[in-house]
Amino acid sequence: MGAGALAVRQSKSAVRLKEDMKKIAALPLSKQKDVTCPKVFGVSLLELQQQGLSKNGIPIVVWNIVEYLSQHGMSQEGLFRVNGSMKMVEQLRLQYERGEEVELVKDGDVYSAASLLKLFLRELPDGIITSALHPRFIQLYQDTRNDMQKESKLKELLKELPDANYCLLKYLCRFLTKVAEHHIENKMNLCNLATVFGPNCFQ
């Protein structure tokens, strides 16, 4: 190949590379982040902490949802029982996965945010209550000892959870207790909430 032909080919390659770079630069920032942003759903709580995706030990996505629901969802009838729009839930999930700043007031609604929280918990690799402890929790539930003894044993058992799991469980329990305080409006007492969240905590 002559020097002239080689120069032409190199010039064409340079032009194509330049055009490709322009296309990448023109992409919305959220789409550019797809490749580099760490996953938010389906990864362990410890991994989220290591990636800086937790706030005071709580996954940021959970923190955002709970803050939003605390302000806008406490009186919504069927909170956590009524499913949100699957399309909106998936859209919100993708926004978090892309590392976008999600404004639930603008981008979502109460039922979709509640469904997103359940989805996050459901996709934790080992659940909030780790599988290794499942048999002992079940055994404690079936125990015939008095309530004070069972409560003491439960506290001991909870201390065996990984720190990240214990922190999230405690945070959720406090939040759900507040939800239950509005049960006259939202029709979600502690029993109803336990029915919804039990399967999401024990996997």
N, C-alpha and C. Protein backbone atom coordinates (compact mmCIF):
# COMPACT_ATOMS: atom_id res chain seq x y z
N MET A 1 0.85 -1.20 0.00
CA MET A 1 0.00 0.00 0.00
C MET A 1 0.88 1.24 0.00
N GLY A 2 0.59 2.19 -0.90
CA GLY A 2 1.39 3.39 -1.00
C GLY A 2 1.18 4.31 0.18
N ALA A 3 2.12 5.24 0.32
CA ALA A 3 2.04 6.18 1.44
C ALA A 3 0.79 7.03 1.35
N GLY A 4 0.39 7.38 0.12
CA GLY A 4 -0.80 8.22 -0.05
C GLY A 4 -2.06 7.51 0.39
N ALA A 5 -2.20 6.23 -0.02
CA ALA A 5 -3.39 5.45 0.34
C ALA A 5 -3.46 5.24 1.85
N LEU A 6 -2.29 4.98 2.45
CA LEU A 6 -2.24 4.77 3.90
C LEU A 6 -2.67 6.03 4.64
N ALA A 7 -2.23 7.16 4.14
CA ALA A 7 -2.58 8.43 4.77
C ALA A 7 -4.08 8.68 4.69
N VAL A 8 -4.67 8.33 3.53
CA VAL A 8 -6.12 8.51 3.36
C VAL A 8 -6.88 7.63 4.33
N ARG A 9 -6.44 6.34 4.45
CA ARG A 9 -7.13 5.41 5.36
C ARG A 9 -7.04 5.90 6.81
N GLN A 10 -5.85 6.36 7.20
CA GLN A 10 -5.67 6.86 8.57
C GLN A 10 -6.55 8.08 8.82
N SER A 11 -6.67 8.92 7.78
CA SER A 11 -7.49 10.12 7.91
C SER A 11 -8.96 9.76 8.10
N LYS A 12 -9.43 8.75 7.33
CA LYS A 12 -10.82 8.30 7.46
C LYS A 12 -11.09 7.71 8.84
N SER A 13 -10.11 6.94 9.35
CA SER A 13 -10.25 6.35 10.68
C SER A 13 -10.34 7.43 11.75
N ALA A 14 -9.53 8.45 11.58
CA ALA A 14 -9.53 9.55 12.54
C ALA A 14 -10.87 10.28 12.53
N VAL A 15 -11.43 10.44 11.32
CA VAL A 15 -12.73 11.11 11.20
C VAL A 15 -13.82 10.29 11.88
N ARG A 16 -13.80 8.94 11.65
CA ARG A 16 -14.81 8.07 12.27
C ARG A 16 -14.70 8.11 13.79
N LEU A 17 -13.46 8.07 14.29
CA LEU A 17 -13.24 8.12 15.74
C LEU A 17 -13.77 9.42 16.31
N LYS A 18 -13.52 10.50 15.60
CA LYS A 18 -13.98 11.81 16.06
C LYS A 18 -15.50 11.87 16.09
N GLU A 19 -16.14 11.30 15.06
CA GLU A 19 -17.61 11.28 15.01
C GLU A 19 -18.18 10.44 16.15
N ASP A 20 -17.54 9.28 16.42
CA ASP A 20 -18.01 8.42 17.51
C ASP A 20 -17.91 9.14 18.85
N MET A 21 -16.83 9.87 19.04
CA MET A 21 -16.65 10.60 20.29
C MET A 21 -17.70 11.70 20.44
N LYS A 22 -18.06 12.32 19.32
CA LYS A 22 -19.11 13.34 19.35
C LYS A 22 -20.44 12.73 19.76
N LYS A 23 -20.73 11.52 19.24
CA LYS A 23 -21.98 10.85 19.57
C LYS A 23 -22.04 10.52 21.06
N ILE A 24 -20.92 10.04 21.59
CA ILE A 24 -20.87 9.70 23.02
C ILE A 24 -21.06 10.95 23.86
N ALA A 25 -20.39 12.03 23.46
CA ALA A 25 -20.50 13.29 24.21
C ALA A 25 -21.91 13.85 24.16
N ALA A 26 -22.63 13.54 23.07
CA ALA A 26 -23.99 14.07 22.91
C ALA A 26 -25.03 13.29 23.69
N LEU A 27 -24.65 12.10 24.18
CA LEU A 27 -25.61 11.31 24.95
C LEU A 27 -25.99 12.04 26.23
N PRO A 28 -27.25 11.88 26.70
CA PRO A 28 -27.60 12.43 28.01
C PRO A 28 -26.68 11.86 29.07
N LEU A 29 -26.40 12.66 30.07
CA LEU A 29 -25.46 12.24 31.11
C LEU A 29 -25.89 10.94 31.76
N SER A 30 -27.21 10.76 31.94
CA SER A 30 -27.71 9.55 32.60
C SER A 30 -27.34 8.32 31.80
N LYS A 31 -27.38 8.40 30.46
CA LYS A 31 -27.06 7.24 29.64
C LYS A 31 -25.57 6.96 29.65
N GLN A 32 -24.76 8.00 29.75
CA GLN A 32 -23.33 7.79 29.83
C GLN A 32 -22.96 7.08 31.12
N LYS A 33 -23.75 7.28 32.16
CA LYS A 33 -23.45 6.69 33.46
C LYS A 33 -23.74 5.20 33.52
N ASP A 34 -24.54 4.72 32.57
CA ASP A 34 -24.97 3.32 32.61
C ASP A 34 -23.79 2.37 32.77
N VAL A 35 -22.68 2.68 32.08
CA VAL A 35 -21.55 1.76 32.04
C VAL A 35 -20.79 1.77 33.35
N THR A 36 -20.70 2.93 33.98
CA THR A 36 -19.80 3.08 35.12
C THR A 36 -20.49 3.03 36.48
N CYS A 37 -21.79 3.31 36.55
CA CYS A 37 -22.47 3.37 37.84
C CYS A 37 -22.63 1.99 38.45
N PRO A 38 -22.34 1.86 39.75
CA PRO A 38 -22.54 0.58 40.41
C PRO A 38 -24.01 0.24 40.54
N LYS A 39 -24.31 -1.04 40.64
CA LYS A 39 -25.70 -1.48 40.79
C LYS A 39 -26.23 -1.06 42.15
N VAL A 40 -27.53 -0.83 42.19
CA VAL A 40 -28.21 -0.46 43.44
C VAL A 40 -29.10 -1.60 43.91
N PHE A 41 -29.76 -2.26 42.97
CA PHE A 41 -30.66 -3.37 43.28
C PHE A 41 -29.94 -4.69 43.06
N GLY A 42 -30.26 -5.66 43.93
CA GLY A 42 -29.70 -6.99 43.74
C GLY A 42 -28.28 -7.16 44.21
N VAL A 43 -27.78 -6.21 45.01
CA VAL A 43 -26.43 -6.34 45.58
C VAL A 43 -26.53 -6.30 47.10
N SER A 44 -25.50 -6.77 47.76
CA SER A 44 -25.55 -6.87 49.22
C SER A 44 -25.49 -5.49 49.88
N LEU A 45 -25.98 -5.43 51.10
CA LEU A 45 -25.95 -4.17 51.85
C LEU A 45 -24.51 -3.72 52.10
N LEU A 46 -23.63 -4.69 52.34
CA LEU A 46 -22.23 -4.35 52.57
C LEU A 46 -21.62 -3.72 51.32
N GLU A 47 -21.95 -4.28 50.18
CA GLU A 47 -21.43 -3.74 48.92
C GLU A 47 -21.92 -2.32 48.68
N LEU A 48 -23.17 -2.06 49.01
CA LEU A 48 -23.71 -0.71 48.86
C LEU A 48 -22.95 0.27 49.75
N GLN A 49 -22.63 -0.16 50.96
CA GLN A 49 -21.86 0.70 51.86
C GLN A 49 -20.47 0.97 51.29
N GLN A 50 -19.83 -0.07 50.78
CA GLN A 50 -18.48 0.08 50.24
C GLN A 50 -18.45 0.99 49.02
N GLN A 51 -19.56 1.04 48.29
CA GLN A 51 -19.64 1.87 47.09
C GLN A 51 -20.11 3.29 47.40
N GLY A 52 -20.33 3.57 48.68
CA GLY A 52 -20.77 4.91 49.06
C GLY A 52 -22.23 5.17 48.74
N LEU A 53 -23.03 4.10 48.64
CA LEU A 53 -24.45 4.24 48.31
C LEU A 53 -25.33 4.09 49.53
N SER A 54 -24.76 4.35 50.70
CA SER A 54 -25.52 4.30 51.95
C SER A 54 -25.36 5.62 52.69
N LYS A 55 -26.35 5.93 53.51
CA LYS A 55 -26.33 7.15 54.31
C LYS A 55 -26.62 6.77 55.75
N ASN A 56 -25.64 6.98 56.61
CA ASN A 56 -25.77 6.57 58.02
C ASN A 56 -26.12 5.09 58.14
N GLY A 57 -25.54 4.29 57.26
CA GLY A 57 -25.76 2.85 57.31
C GLY A 57 -27.00 2.37 56.58
N ILE A 58 -27.78 3.29 56.02
CA ILE A 58 -29.02 2.95 55.32
C ILE A 58 -28.82 3.18 53.82
N PRO A 59 -29.16 2.19 52.98
CA PRO A 59 -29.06 2.42 51.53
C PRO A 59 -29.79 3.70 51.12
N ILE A 60 -29.16 4.50 50.30
CA ILE A 60 -29.73 5.80 49.93
C ILE A 60 -31.11 5.65 49.29
N VAL A 61 -31.29 4.61 48.48
CA VAL A 61 -32.59 4.41 47.84
C VAL A 61 -33.67 4.19 48.89
N VAL A 62 -33.35 3.43 49.94
CA VAL A 62 -34.32 3.19 51.02
C VAL A 62 -34.58 4.49 51.78
N TRP A 63 -33.51 5.20 52.07
CA TRP A 63 -33.62 6.48 52.78
C TRP A 63 -34.55 7.43 52.02
N ASN A 64 -34.32 7.55 50.72
CA ASN A 64 -35.14 8.46 49.90
C ASN A 64 -36.61 8.08 49.92
N ILE A 65 -36.88 6.79 49.76
CA ILE A 65 -38.27 6.32 49.72
C ILE A 65 -38.96 6.54 51.05
N VAL A 66 -38.28 6.20 52.13
CA VAL A 66 -38.89 6.34 53.46
C VAL A 66 -39.15 7.82 53.78
N GLU A 67 -38.22 8.69 53.43
CA GLU A 67 -38.43 10.12 53.66
C GLU A 67 -39.63 10.62 52.87
N TYR A 68 -39.73 10.17 51.63
CA TYR A 68 -40.85 10.58 50.77
C TYR A 68 -42.18 10.07 51.32
N LEU A 69 -42.22 8.79 51.67
CA LEU A 69 -43.47 8.21 52.18
C LEU A 69 -43.86 8.80 53.53
N SER A 70 -42.87 9.14 54.34
CA SER A 70 -43.16 9.74 55.64
C SER A 70 -43.87 11.08 55.49
N GLN A 71 -43.56 11.78 54.41
CA GLN A 71 -44.17 13.09 54.19
C GLN A 71 -45.46 13.02 53.37
N HIS A 72 -45.55 12.03 52.48
CA HIS A 72 -46.66 12.05 51.52
C HIS A 72 -47.55 10.81 51.54
N GLY A 73 -47.14 9.76 52.26
CA GLY A 73 -47.88 8.51 52.10
C GLY A 73 -48.56 7.93 53.32
N MET A 74 -48.37 8.53 54.48
CA MET A 74 -48.83 7.91 55.71
C MET A 74 -50.35 7.69 55.76
N SER A 75 -51.08 8.54 55.11
CA SER A 75 -52.54 8.43 55.17
C SER A 75 -53.15 7.74 53.94
N GLN A 76 -52.30 7.27 53.04
CA GLN A 76 -52.79 6.63 51.82
C GLN A 76 -53.34 5.24 52.14
N GLU A 77 -54.60 5.02 51.83
CA GLU A 77 -55.21 3.72 52.12
C GLU A 77 -54.52 2.61 51.32
N GLY A 78 -54.20 1.53 52.02
CA GLY A 78 -53.57 0.39 51.36
C GLY A 78 -52.09 0.58 51.09
N LEU A 79 -51.45 1.51 51.80
CA LEU A 79 -50.02 1.72 51.62
C LEU A 79 -49.27 0.40 51.80
N PHE A 80 -48.46 0.03 50.82
CA PHE A 80 -47.69 -1.22 50.75
C PHE A 80 -48.53 -2.43 50.35
N ARG A 81 -49.85 -2.34 50.49
CA ARG A 81 -50.69 -3.44 50.03
C ARG A 81 -51.09 -3.25 48.57
N VAL A 82 -51.39 -1.99 48.21
CA VAL A 82 -51.76 -1.67 46.83
C VAL A 82 -50.49 -1.49 46.01
N ASN A 83 -50.40 -2.20 44.91
CA ASN A 83 -49.21 -2.12 44.06
C ASN A 83 -49.23 -0.86 43.20
N GLY A 84 -48.04 -0.32 42.98
CA GLY A 84 -47.91 0.84 42.10
C GLY A 84 -47.82 0.41 40.65
N SER A 85 -47.73 1.39 39.77
CA SER A 85 -47.59 1.13 38.34
C SER A 85 -46.27 0.42 38.06
N MET A 86 -46.34 -0.74 37.41
CA MET A 86 -45.12 -1.49 37.10
C MET A 86 -44.19 -0.67 36.22
N LYS A 87 -44.78 0.08 35.29
CA LYS A 87 -43.98 0.91 34.39
C LYS A 87 -43.23 1.98 35.17
N MET A 88 -43.92 2.62 36.11
CA MET A 88 -43.28 3.67 36.90
C MET A 88 -42.23 3.10 37.84
N VAL A 89 -42.52 1.95 38.43
CA VAL A 89 -41.56 1.30 39.33
C VAL A 89 -40.27 0.98 38.57
N GLU A 90 -40.41 0.44 37.37
CA GLU A 90 -39.24 0.10 36.57
C GLU A 90 -38.48 1.36 36.15
N GLN A 91 -39.21 2.41 35.85
CA GLN A 91 -38.57 3.67 35.46
C GLN A 91 -37.76 4.24 36.63
N LEU A 92 -38.34 4.20 37.82
CA LEU A 92 -37.63 4.69 39.01
C LEU A 92 -36.40 3.84 39.30
N ARG A 93 -36.57 2.55 39.15
CA ARG A 93 -35.44 1.64 39.36
C ARG A 93 -34.28 1.97 38.42
N LEU A 94 -34.60 2.18 37.16
CA LEU A 94 -33.56 2.51 36.17
C LEU A 94 -32.88 3.83 36.51
N GLN A 95 -33.63 4.78 37.00
CA GLN A 95 -33.04 6.07 37.37
C GLN A 95 -32.02 5.89 38.49
N TYR A 96 -32.37 5.08 39.48
CA TYR A 96 -31.42 4.81 40.57
C TYR A 96 -30.21 4.05 40.05
N GLU A 97 -30.44 3.08 39.18
CA GLU A 97 -29.34 2.27 38.65
C GLU A 97 -28.38 3.11 37.80
N ARG A 98 -28.91 4.15 37.17
CA ARG A 98 -28.07 5.02 36.34
C ARG A 98 -27.34 6.07 37.16
N GLY A 99 -27.63 6.11 38.45
CA GLY A 99 -26.98 7.10 39.29
C GLY A 99 -27.60 8.48 39.19
N GLU A 100 -28.83 8.54 38.66
CA GLU A 100 -29.50 9.83 38.55
C GLU A 100 -30.04 10.28 39.90
N GLU A 101 -30.22 11.57 40.02
CA GLU A 101 -30.86 12.11 41.22
C GLU A 101 -32.37 11.98 41.05
N VAL A 102 -32.98 11.15 41.88
CA VAL A 102 -34.41 10.85 41.74
C VAL A 102 -35.21 11.74 42.68
N GLU A 103 -36.19 12.44 42.13
CA GLU A 103 -37.11 13.24 42.93
C GLU A 103 -38.46 12.55 42.90
N LEU A 104 -38.75 11.80 43.95
CA LEU A 104 -39.97 11.00 43.97
C LEU A 104 -41.23 11.86 43.90
N VAL A 105 -41.16 13.07 44.40
CA VAL A 105 -42.32 13.96 44.34
C VAL A 105 -42.69 14.24 42.89
N LYS A 106 -41.68 14.38 42.03
CA LYS A 106 -41.91 14.68 40.61
C LYS A 106 -41.98 13.42 39.76
N ASP A 107 -41.12 12.45 40.07
CA ASP A 107 -40.95 11.30 39.18
C ASP A 107 -41.82 10.09 39.54
N GLY A 108 -42.40 10.09 40.74
CA GLY A 108 -43.14 8.90 41.16
C GLY A 108 -44.45 9.24 41.84
N ASP A 109 -45.01 8.26 42.53
CA ASP A 109 -46.19 8.47 43.36
C ASP A 109 -46.06 7.54 44.57
N VAL A 110 -46.97 7.67 45.50
CA VAL A 110 -46.86 6.95 46.77
C VAL A 110 -46.82 5.43 46.56
N TYR A 111 -47.75 4.91 45.78
CA TYR A 111 -47.83 3.46 45.62
C TYR A 111 -46.63 2.89 44.86
N SER A 112 -46.15 3.64 43.88
CA SER A 112 -44.98 3.17 43.13
C SER A 112 -43.72 3.21 44.00
N ALA A 113 -43.60 4.24 44.82
CA ALA A 113 -42.45 4.33 45.73
C ALA A 113 -42.48 3.18 46.73
N ALA A 114 -43.68 2.88 47.25
CA ALA A 114 -43.82 1.77 48.20
C ALA A 114 -43.47 0.44 47.53
N SER A 115 -43.89 0.27 46.29
CA SER A 115 -43.57 -0.96 45.55
C SER A 115 -42.07 -1.05 45.27
N LEU A 116 -41.44 0.08 45.03
CA LEU A 116 -40.00 0.10 44.78
C LEU A 116 -39.23 -0.33 46.02
N LEU A 117 -39.70 0.09 47.18
CA LEU A 117 -39.06 -0.33 48.43
C LEU A 117 -39.16 -1.84 48.61
N LYS A 118 -40.34 -2.39 48.37
CA LYS A 118 -40.50 -3.84 48.49
C LYS A 118 -39.62 -4.58 47.48
N LEU A 119 -39.50 -4.02 46.28
CA LEU A 119 -38.65 -4.63 45.25
C LEU A 119 -37.19 -4.64 45.70
N PHE A 120 -36.74 -3.54 46.27
CA PHE A 120 -35.36 -3.47 46.75
C PHE A 120 -35.09 -4.55 47.79
N LEU A 121 -36.00 -4.67 48.75
CA LEU A 121 -35.83 -5.67 49.81
C LEU A 121 -35.88 -7.08 49.25
N ARG A 122 -36.78 -7.30 48.31
CA ARG A 122 -36.96 -8.63 47.72
C ARG A 122 -35.72 -9.07 46.94
N GLU A 123 -34.99 -8.10 46.38
CA GLU A 123 -33.85 -8.44 45.54
C GLU A 123 -32.52 -8.47 46.30
N LEU A 124 -32.56 -8.22 47.60
CA LEU A 124 -31.32 -8.37 48.38
C LEU A 124 -30.85 -9.82 48.27
N PRO A 125 -29.59 -10.05 48.00
CA PRO A 125 -29.11 -11.42 47.76
C PRO A 125 -29.43 -12.40 48.88
N ASP A 126 -29.38 -11.95 50.13
CA ASP A 126 -29.63 -12.87 51.24
C ASP A 126 -30.71 -12.37 52.18
N GLY A 127 -31.48 -11.38 51.76
CA GLY A 127 -32.55 -10.84 52.59
C GLY A 127 -32.02 -10.04 53.77
N ILE A 128 -32.91 -9.33 54.44
CA ILE A 128 -32.50 -8.60 55.64
C ILE A 128 -32.18 -9.60 56.75
N ILE A 129 -33.09 -10.56 56.94
CA ILE A 129 -32.82 -11.66 57.87
C ILE A 129 -32.08 -12.73 57.09
N THR A 130 -30.81 -12.88 57.36
CA THR A 130 -29.98 -13.78 56.55
C THR A 130 -30.46 -15.22 56.66
N SER A 131 -30.30 -15.95 55.58
CA SER A 131 -30.82 -17.32 55.50
C SER A 131 -30.24 -18.23 56.58
N ALA A 132 -29.02 -17.96 57.00
CA ALA A 132 -28.39 -18.80 58.02
C ALA A 132 -29.14 -18.73 59.35
N LEU A 133 -29.85 -17.63 59.58
CA LEU A 133 -30.56 -17.46 60.84
C LEU A 133 -32.04 -17.85 60.76
N HIS A 134 -32.52 -18.15 59.58
CA HIS A 134 -33.94 -18.49 59.41
C HIS A 134 -34.41 -19.59 60.37
N PRO A 135 -33.71 -20.73 60.44
CA PRO A 135 -34.19 -21.81 61.31
C PRO A 135 -34.32 -21.39 62.77
N ARG A 136 -33.42 -20.55 63.23
CA ARG A 136 -33.45 -20.14 64.63
C ARG A 136 -34.58 -19.14 64.89
N PHE A 137 -34.88 -18.30 63.91
CA PHE A 137 -36.03 -17.41 64.06
C PHE A 137 -37.33 -18.21 64.09
N ILE A 138 -37.43 -19.20 63.23
CA ILE A 138 -38.63 -20.04 63.20
C ILE A 138 -38.77 -20.81 64.51
N GLN A 139 -37.66 -21.32 64.99
CA GLN A 139 -37.67 -22.07 66.25
C GLN A 139 -38.13 -21.17 67.40
N LEU A 140 -37.65 -19.93 67.39
CA LEU A 140 -38.04 -18.99 68.44
C LEU A 140 -39.53 -18.68 68.36
N TYR A 141 -40.04 -18.54 67.15
CA TYR A 141 -41.46 -18.25 66.96
C TYR A 141 -42.32 -19.39 67.51
N GLN A 142 -41.83 -20.61 67.36
CA GLN A 142 -42.59 -21.79 67.81
C GLN A 142 -42.36 -22.10 69.28
N ASP A 143 -41.44 -21.37 69.90
CA ASP A 143 -41.10 -21.62 71.30
C ASP A 143 -42.30 -21.34 72.20
N THR A 144 -42.48 -22.16 73.21
CA THR A 144 -43.63 -22.01 74.11
C THR A 144 -43.29 -21.23 75.38
N ARG A 145 -42.08 -20.71 75.46
CA ARG A 145 -41.72 -19.92 76.64
C ARG A 145 -42.52 -18.62 76.70
N ASN A 146 -42.50 -17.98 77.86
CA ASN A 146 -43.28 -16.75 78.01
C ASN A 146 -42.68 -15.62 77.16
N ASP A 147 -43.47 -14.57 77.00
CA ASP A 147 -43.10 -13.49 76.09
C ASP A 147 -41.80 -12.79 76.49
N MET A 148 -41.58 -12.62 77.79
CA MET A 148 -40.37 -11.94 78.24
C MET A 148 -39.13 -12.73 77.87
N GLN A 149 -39.20 -14.04 78.04
CA GLN A 149 -38.07 -14.89 77.68
C GLN A 149 -37.83 -14.87 76.18
N LYS A 150 -38.91 -14.90 75.42
CA LYS A 150 -38.78 -14.87 73.96
C LYS A 150 -38.23 -13.54 73.48
N GLU A 151 -38.65 -12.46 74.12
CA GLU A 151 -38.14 -11.14 73.74
C GLU A 151 -36.64 -11.04 73.98
N SER A 152 -36.21 -11.57 75.11
CA SER A 152 -34.78 -11.56 75.43
C SER A 152 -33.99 -12.38 74.41
N LYS A 153 -34.54 -13.53 74.05
CA LYS A 153 -33.87 -14.40 73.07
C LYS A 153 -33.85 -13.74 71.70
N LEU A 154 -34.93 -13.04 71.36
CA LEU A 154 -35.00 -12.36 70.07
C LEU A 154 -33.93 -11.28 69.97
N LYS A 155 -33.74 -10.52 71.03
CA LYS A 155 -32.72 -9.48 71.03
C LYS A 155 -31.33 -10.08 70.82
N GLU A 156 -31.08 -11.21 71.46
CA GLU A 156 -29.79 -11.88 71.29
C GLU A 156 -29.60 -12.34 69.84
N LEU A 157 -30.68 -12.85 69.27
CA LEU A 157 -30.62 -13.36 67.90
C LEU A 157 -30.39 -12.23 66.90
N LEU A 158 -31.05 -11.11 67.12
CA LEU A 158 -30.89 -9.97 66.21
C LEU A 158 -29.47 -9.44 66.21
N LYS A 159 -28.79 -9.57 67.33
CA LYS A 159 -27.40 -9.10 67.42
C LYS A 159 -26.46 -9.92 66.54
N GLU A 160 -26.92 -11.09 66.11
CA GLU A 160 -26.09 -11.94 65.26
C GLU A 160 -26.19 -11.56 63.78
N LEU A 161 -27.12 -10.67 63.47
CA LEU A 161 -27.21 -10.18 62.09
C LEU A 161 -25.97 -9.34 61.76
N PRO A 162 -25.55 -9.32 60.51
CA PRO A 162 -24.49 -8.38 60.11
C PRO A 162 -24.92 -6.95 60.45
N ASP A 163 -23.96 -6.10 60.73
CA ASP A 163 -24.27 -4.73 61.15
C ASP A 163 -25.19 -4.01 60.16
N ALA A 164 -24.89 -4.16 58.86
CA ALA A 164 -25.68 -3.47 57.84
C ALA A 164 -27.13 -3.96 57.85
N ASN A 165 -27.32 -5.25 58.03
CA ASN A 165 -28.66 -5.82 58.06
C ASN A 165 -29.43 -5.36 59.29
N TYR A 166 -28.75 -5.38 60.43
CA TYR A 166 -29.39 -4.96 61.67
C TYR A 166 -29.80 -3.49 61.60
N CYS A 167 -28.92 -2.67 61.05
CA CYS A 167 -29.19 -1.24 60.94
C CYS A 167 -30.41 -0.98 60.06
N LEU A 168 -30.49 -1.67 58.93
CA LEU A 168 -31.62 -1.49 58.02
C LEU A 168 -32.91 -2.01 58.64
N LEU A 169 -32.85 -3.16 59.29
CA LEU A 169 -34.04 -3.74 59.92
C LEU A 169 -34.58 -2.80 61.00
N LYS A 170 -33.70 -2.26 61.80
CA LYS A 170 -34.11 -1.34 62.86
C LYS A 170 -34.76 -0.09 62.27
N TYR A 171 -34.16 0.42 61.21
CA TYR A 171 -34.68 1.62 60.54
C TYR A 171 -36.08 1.36 59.97
N LEU A 172 -36.25 0.22 59.32
CA LEU A 172 -37.54 -0.12 58.73
C LEU A 172 -38.60 -0.35 59.80
N CYS A 173 -38.23 -1.01 60.89
CA CYS A 173 -39.19 -1.27 61.96
C CYS A 173 -39.70 0.03 62.57
N ARG A 174 -38.80 0.98 62.75
CA ARG A 174 -39.22 2.28 63.28
C ARG A 174 -40.18 2.97 62.32
N PHE A 175 -39.86 2.91 61.04
CA PHE A 175 -40.72 3.53 60.03
C PHE A 175 -42.08 2.85 59.98
N LEU A 176 -42.10 1.53 59.96
CA LEU A 176 -43.36 0.80 59.85
C LEU A 176 -44.22 0.97 61.10
N THR A 177 -43.59 1.18 62.23
CA THR A 177 -44.34 1.48 63.45
C THR A 177 -45.09 2.80 63.29
N LYS A 178 -44.44 3.77 62.65
CA LYS A 178 -45.09 5.06 62.39
C LYS A 178 -46.22 4.90 61.38
N VAL A 179 -46.00 4.04 60.37
CA VAL A 179 -47.06 3.77 59.40
C VAL A 179 -48.28 3.20 60.11
N ALA A 180 -48.05 2.26 61.02
CA ALA A 180 -49.15 1.62 61.74
C ALA A 180 -49.90 2.60 62.64
N GLU A 181 -49.24 3.66 63.07
CA GLU A 181 -49.92 4.66 63.89
C GLU A 181 -51.02 5.38 63.11
N HIS A 182 -50.95 5.29 61.79
CA HIS A 182 -51.96 5.92 60.93
C HIS A 182 -52.93 4.88 60.36
N HIS A 183 -53.06 3.75 61.05
CA HIS A 183 -53.82 2.63 60.49
C HIS A 183 -55.30 2.95 60.26
N ILE A 184 -55.83 3.90 60.99
CA ILE A 184 -57.25 4.26 60.78
C ILE A 184 -57.43 4.82 59.37
N GLU A 185 -56.45 5.62 58.92
CA GLU A 185 -56.54 6.18 57.57
C GLU A 185 -56.02 5.21 56.50
N ASN A 186 -54.85 4.61 56.77
CA ASN A 186 -54.24 3.80 55.70
C ASN A 186 -54.63 2.32 55.74
N LYS A 187 -55.37 1.91 56.78
CA LYS A 187 -55.85 0.52 56.90
C LYS A 187 -54.71 -0.49 57.00
N MET A 188 -53.54 -0.03 57.45
CA MET A 188 -52.39 -0.93 57.56
C MET A 188 -51.89 -0.96 59.00
N ASN A 189 -52.45 -1.90 59.77
CA ASN A 189 -51.97 -2.08 61.14
C ASN A 189 -50.71 -2.96 61.12
N LEU A 190 -50.16 -3.22 62.29
CA LEU A 190 -48.91 -3.99 62.35
C LEU A 190 -49.06 -5.38 61.77
N CYS A 191 -50.22 -5.99 61.97
CA CYS A 191 -50.45 -7.32 61.43
C CYS A 191 -50.43 -7.30 59.90
N ASN A 192 -51.10 -6.31 59.32
CA ASN A 192 -51.13 -6.20 57.86
C ASN A 192 -49.74 -5.91 57.30
N LEU A 193 -49.00 -5.06 57.99
CA LEU A 193 -47.65 -4.73 57.53
C LEU A 193 -46.72 -5.94 57.63
N ALA A 194 -46.90 -6.72 58.69
CA ALA A 194 -46.08 -7.93 58.85
C ALA A 194 -46.37 -8.93 57.73
N THR A 195 -47.63 -9.00 57.33
CA THR A 195 -48.01 -9.90 56.24
C THR A 195 -47.33 -9.50 54.93
N VAL A 196 -47.23 -8.19 54.72
CA VAL A 196 -46.61 -7.69 53.49
C VAL A 196 -45.09 -7.83 53.53
N PHE A 197 -44.49 -7.45 54.66
CA PHE A 197 -43.03 -7.36 54.71
C PHE A 197 -42.35 -8.66 55.13
N GLY A 198 -43.08 -9.55 55.78
CA GLY A 198 -42.46 -10.81 56.18
C GLY A 198 -41.75 -11.53 55.05
N PRO A 199 -42.45 -11.78 53.93
CA PRO A 199 -41.80 -12.47 52.81
C PRO A 199 -40.63 -11.70 52.21
N ASN A 200 -40.65 -10.36 52.35
CA ASN A 200 -39.56 -9.56 51.80
C ASN A 200 -38.33 -9.54 52.71
N CYS A 201 -38.54 -9.85 53.98
CA CYS A 201 -37.42 -9.88 54.93
C CYS A 201 -36.82 -11.27 55.07
N PHE A 202 -37.68 -12.29 54.96
CA PHE A 202 -37.23 -13.68 55.02
C PHE A 202 -37.28 -14.25 53.60
N GLN A 203 -36.14 -14.54 53.03
CA GLN A 203 -36.11 -15.06 51.66
C GLN A 203 -35.51 -16.45 51.63
